[in-house]
Protein backbone atom coordinates (compact mmCIF):
# COMPACT_ATOMS: atom_id res chain seq x y z
CA MET A 1 126.13 188.48 -26.61
CA GLN A 2 123.31 185.99 -26.26
CA VAL A 3 119.90 186.98 -27.58
CA LEU A 4 116.56 185.70 -26.32
CA HIS A 5 114.58 183.58 -28.77
CA THR A 6 111.21 181.89 -28.34
CA MET A 7 110.79 178.20 -29.03
CA VAL A 8 107.75 175.97 -29.32
CA LEU A 9 108.16 172.27 -28.54
CA ARG A 10 106.02 169.47 -29.88
CA LYS A 11 106.25 165.71 -29.97
CA SER A 12 106.48 164.27 -33.48
CA GLY A 13 106.60 160.51 -33.71
CA GLY A 14 109.22 159.37 -31.23
CA ALA A 15 111.14 162.65 -31.20
CA TRP A 16 110.76 166.20 -29.93
CA VAL A 17 110.93 169.12 -32.34
CA ALA A 18 111.79 172.66 -31.24
CA LEU A 19 110.88 175.59 -33.49
CA CYS A 20 112.24 179.12 -33.13
CA LEU A 21 109.47 181.68 -33.72
CA GLU A 22 111.86 184.49 -34.58
CA ASN A 23 113.50 182.81 -37.58
CA GLY A 24 111.92 179.40 -38.32
CA VAL A 25 115.03 177.39 -37.40
CA VAL A 26 114.34 173.93 -35.93
CA GLY A 27 116.10 171.39 -33.74
CA GLN A 28 115.12 167.79 -33.08
CA GLY A 29 116.05 165.33 -30.36
CA ALA A 30 114.96 162.33 -28.34
CA THR A 31 114.15 164.60 -25.37
CA LYS A 32 112.91 168.17 -24.96
CA GLU A 33 116.30 169.17 -23.62
CA GLU A 34 118.18 167.66 -26.57
CA ALA A 35 115.82 169.36 -29.05
CA GLY A 36 116.40 172.68 -27.26
CA ARG A 37 120.19 172.27 -27.33
CA LYS A 38 120.12 171.39 -31.02
CA LEU A 39 117.93 174.41 -31.67
CA GLN A 40 120.42 176.65 -29.86
CA ASP A 41 123.24 175.25 -32.03
CA ALA A 42 121.17 175.79 -35.17
CA ILE A 43 120.37 179.39 -34.20
CA VAL A 44 124.05 180.16 -33.58
CA SER A 45 124.96 178.66 -36.99
CA PHE A 46 122.13 180.53 -38.70
CA GLU A 47 123.15 183.86 -37.16
CA ALA A 48 126.79 183.26 -38.18
CA ALA A 49 125.66 182.65 -41.77
CA ARG A 50 123.58 185.84 -41.70
CA THR A 51 126.61 187.79 -40.45
CA GLU A 52 128.70 186.50 -43.36
CA ASP A 53 126.02 186.91 -46.03
CA ALA A 54 123.46 189.69 -45.83
CA ASP A 55 121.32 187.91 -48.46
CA VAL A 56 120.40 185.08 -46.06
CA TYR A 57 116.65 185.45 -45.52
CA ALA A 58 115.41 185.79 -41.96
CA ALA A 59 111.92 186.65 -40.75
CA PRO A 60 109.60 185.72 -37.90
CA LEU A 61 107.20 182.87 -38.54
CA SER A 62 103.76 183.74 -39.79
CA ILE A 63 100.68 182.48 -37.96
CA ARG A 64 100.04 180.14 -40.90
CA GLU A 65 103.51 178.59 -40.55
CA LEU A 66 103.08 178.20 -36.79
CA HIS A 67 99.69 176.57 -37.32
CA GLU A 68 101.21 174.17 -39.82
CA PHE A 69 103.96 173.23 -37.33
CA LEU A 70 101.46 172.64 -34.53
CA THR A 71 99.03 170.60 -36.61
CA TYR A 72 101.47 168.62 -38.75
CA ASP A 73 100.54 164.89 -38.78
CA THR A 74 97.07 165.53 -37.33
CA GLU A 75 93.88 164.90 -39.21
CA GLN A 76 91.60 166.86 -36.90
CA PRO A 77 92.03 169.66 -34.39
CA THR A 78 93.89 168.43 -31.34
CA ALA A 79 93.56 169.07 -27.63
CA GLU A 80 97.30 168.50 -27.27
CA SER A 81 99.16 171.11 -25.24
CA TYR A 82 102.40 172.68 -26.42
CA GLU A 83 105.30 174.22 -24.59
CA LEU A 84 106.52 177.75 -25.18
CA CYS A 85 110.01 178.41 -23.79
CA ALA A 86 112.79 180.96 -23.92
CA VAL A 87 116.11 179.93 -25.42
CA TYR A 88 119.30 181.97 -25.37
CA ALA A 89 121.58 181.68 -28.37
């Protein structure tokens, strides 16, 4: 069964980075679509690992961690817009 996850996309250098808010897993690609696909693959792998080992830590991102992701590589507050999307994995 596929579960709905929330991802935030941001441009970092020449690549796109997708972050899952429910577990902190990331995917990166040359396009938004590639980053999203890689994130889906990473979520599936992460969930499989959690199924096999109950000690694998999983928790939603904190606001501080989200802020760090959104402002990484910026010296001052930015007016940049970000994309929030649903991803099924």
